[in-house]
Amino acid sequence: MDLTYRPLTLDYSLKSLQSMSQIPNDGIMTLPKGDLITMTSNWQETLVEKQVTYTLNLNGKIFLIENVPARVNEETGEQFFSPLTVERLQQTILNEKKPDHFIQVPVYDYSDSAA
């Protein structure tokens, strides 16, 4: 299933974005110092539902979770997960569920590789 989203682009001239919390429906937000942020939707992103492999490096251990549902940007490959999927991923790893299988992977140091 193809889903097309129109995310908001950010046009700003600010010294700091630290105080941003919510953008009102009109797309213009005034910050305490009077700086303005204007939100416009001038590009289009196409996301496709796919099954991906989620990778996590936690405390020196690498975890792979296969067949995770995600929306993937066709152009950039960026992966987006639903809140329920993220919660299930966290519980799978934090509850130390027994793995389905193990794999052996080689590790390379980039600084030692030839140019």
Protein backbone atom coordinates (compact mmCIF):
# COMPACT_ATOMS: atom_id res chain seq x y z
CA MET A 1 0.00 0.00 0.00
CA ASP A 2 1.47 3.39 -1.01
CA LEU A 3 0.84 6.27 1.35
CA THR A 4 1.74 9.81 0.39
CA TYR A 5 2.46 12.30 3.14
CA ARG A 6 3.03 16.00 2.85
CA PRO A 7 5.33 16.90 5.75
CA LEU A 8 5.97 20.46 6.81
CA THR A 9 9.15 22.20 5.78
CA LEU A 10 10.77 24.61 8.14
CA ASP A 11 11.69 28.11 7.00
CA TYR A 12 13.26 29.95 9.90
CA SER A 13 15.77 32.53 10.95
CA LEU A 14 16.25 31.87 14.65
CA LYS A 15 19.12 31.94 17.07
CA SER A 16 17.63 29.01 18.95
CA LEU A 17 14.78 26.53 18.48
CA GLN A 18 14.95 25.26 22.04
CA SER A 19 11.64 26.74 23.16
CA MET A 20 9.56 25.17 20.36
CA SER A 21 6.77 22.97 21.65
CA GLN A 22 3.71 23.13 19.40
CA ILE A 23 2.94 24.65 16.02
CA PRO A 24 -0.60 26.11 15.84
CA ASN A 25 -2.99 25.19 13.02
CA ASP A 26 -2.23 28.37 11.08
CA GLY A 27 1.39 27.22 10.70
CA ILE A 28 2.89 30.36 12.24
CA MET A 29 4.33 30.32 15.72
CA THR A 30 5.62 33.32 17.63
CA LEU A 31 8.37 32.55 20.12
CA PRO A 32 8.88 34.51 23.35
CA LYS A 33 11.65 36.63 21.78
CA GLY A 34 9.35 37.55 18.88
CA ASP A 35 11.09 35.33 16.33
CA LEU A 36 8.77 33.80 13.74
CA ILE A 37 8.65 30.29 12.30
CA THR A 38 6.69 29.78 9.10
CA MET A 39 5.71 26.25 8.15
CA THR A 40 4.94 25.44 4.53
CA SER A 41 4.32 22.19 2.72
CA ASN A 42 6.31 22.46 -0.49
CA TRP A 43 7.51 18.91 -1.05
CA GLN A 44 6.03 15.46 -1.18
CA GLU A 45 7.24 12.24 0.42
CA THR A 46 6.11 8.80 -0.70
CA LEU A 47 6.15 6.18 2.03
CA VAL A 48 5.67 2.48 1.32
CA GLU A 49 4.63 -0.18 3.84
CA LYS A 50 7.45 -2.75 4.10
CA GLN A 51 8.89 -5.38 6.42
CA VAL A 52 12.38 -4.32 7.55
CA THR A 53 15.14 -5.53 9.86
CA TYR A 54 15.53 -3.30 12.91
CA THR A 55 19.09 -3.03 14.28
CA LEU A 56 20.03 -1.82 17.75
CA ASN A 57 23.47 -1.55 19.38
CA LEU A 58 22.88 -1.50 23.14
CA ASN A 59 25.73 -1.70 25.66
CA GLY A 60 28.03 -3.40 23.17
CA LYS A 61 25.43 -5.97 22.13
CA ILE A 62 23.84 -5.92 18.68
CA PHE A 63 20.20 -6.88 18.36
CA LEU A 64 18.41 -7.62 15.08
CA ILE A 65 14.66 -7.91 14.86
CA GLU A 66 13.42 -9.17 11.50
CA ASN A 67 10.12 -8.59 9.72
CA VAL A 68 9.28 -5.33 11.49
CA PRO A 69 6.45 -3.34 9.85
CA ALA A 70 7.61 0.14 8.80
CA ARG A 71 6.80 2.93 6.42
CA VAL A 72 9.87 3.50 4.25
CA ASN A 73 10.64 6.64 2.25
CA GLU A 74 11.16 5.46 -1.33
CA GLU A 75 13.74 8.16 -2.07
CA THR A 76 15.84 8.23 1.11
CA GLY A 77 15.23 4.82 2.66
CA GLU A 78 14.35 6.46 5.99
CA GLN A 79 12.20 4.16 8.14
CA PHE A 80 9.22 5.23 10.25
CA PHE A 81 7.68 3.02 12.94
CA SER A 82 4.28 3.31 14.60
CA PRO A 83 4.22 3.91 18.37
CA LEU A 84 2.87 0.39 18.92
CA THR A 85 5.70 -1.10 16.87
CA VAL A 86 8.31 0.88 18.85
CA GLU A 87 6.78 -0.31 22.12
CA ARG A 88 6.87 -3.93 20.95
CA LEU A 89 10.51 -3.55 19.81
CA GLN A 90 11.48 -2.16 23.20
CA GLN A 91 9.66 -4.92 25.08
CA THR A 92 11.24 -7.62 22.91
CA ILE A 93 14.73 -6.39 23.76
CA LEU A 94 14.21 -5.25 27.36
CA ASN A 95 12.36 -8.42 28.37
CA GLU A 96 15.22 -10.48 26.93
CA LYS A 97 12.90 -12.64 24.86
CA LYS A 98 14.61 -15.80 23.59
CA PRO A 99 15.96 -15.16 20.06
CA ASP A 100 14.62 -17.16 17.12
CA HIS A 101 18.18 -17.76 15.92
CA PHE A 102 21.73 -16.40 16.15
CA ILE A 103 24.03 -15.14 13.39
CA GLN A 104 27.75 -14.49 13.24
CA VAL A 105 28.85 -11.18 11.71
CA PRO A 106 32.30 -9.84 10.81
CA VAL A 107 33.34 -6.49 12.32
CA TYR A 108 35.61 -4.03 10.51
CA ASP A 109 37.28 -0.86 11.76
CA TYR A 110 36.76 1.93 9.23
CA SER A 111 39.99 3.71 10.21
CA ASP A 112 41.98 0.57 9.29
CA SER A 113 40.37 0.19 5.84
CA ALA A 114 42.20 1.17 2.66
CA ALA A 115 41.08 4.30 0.85
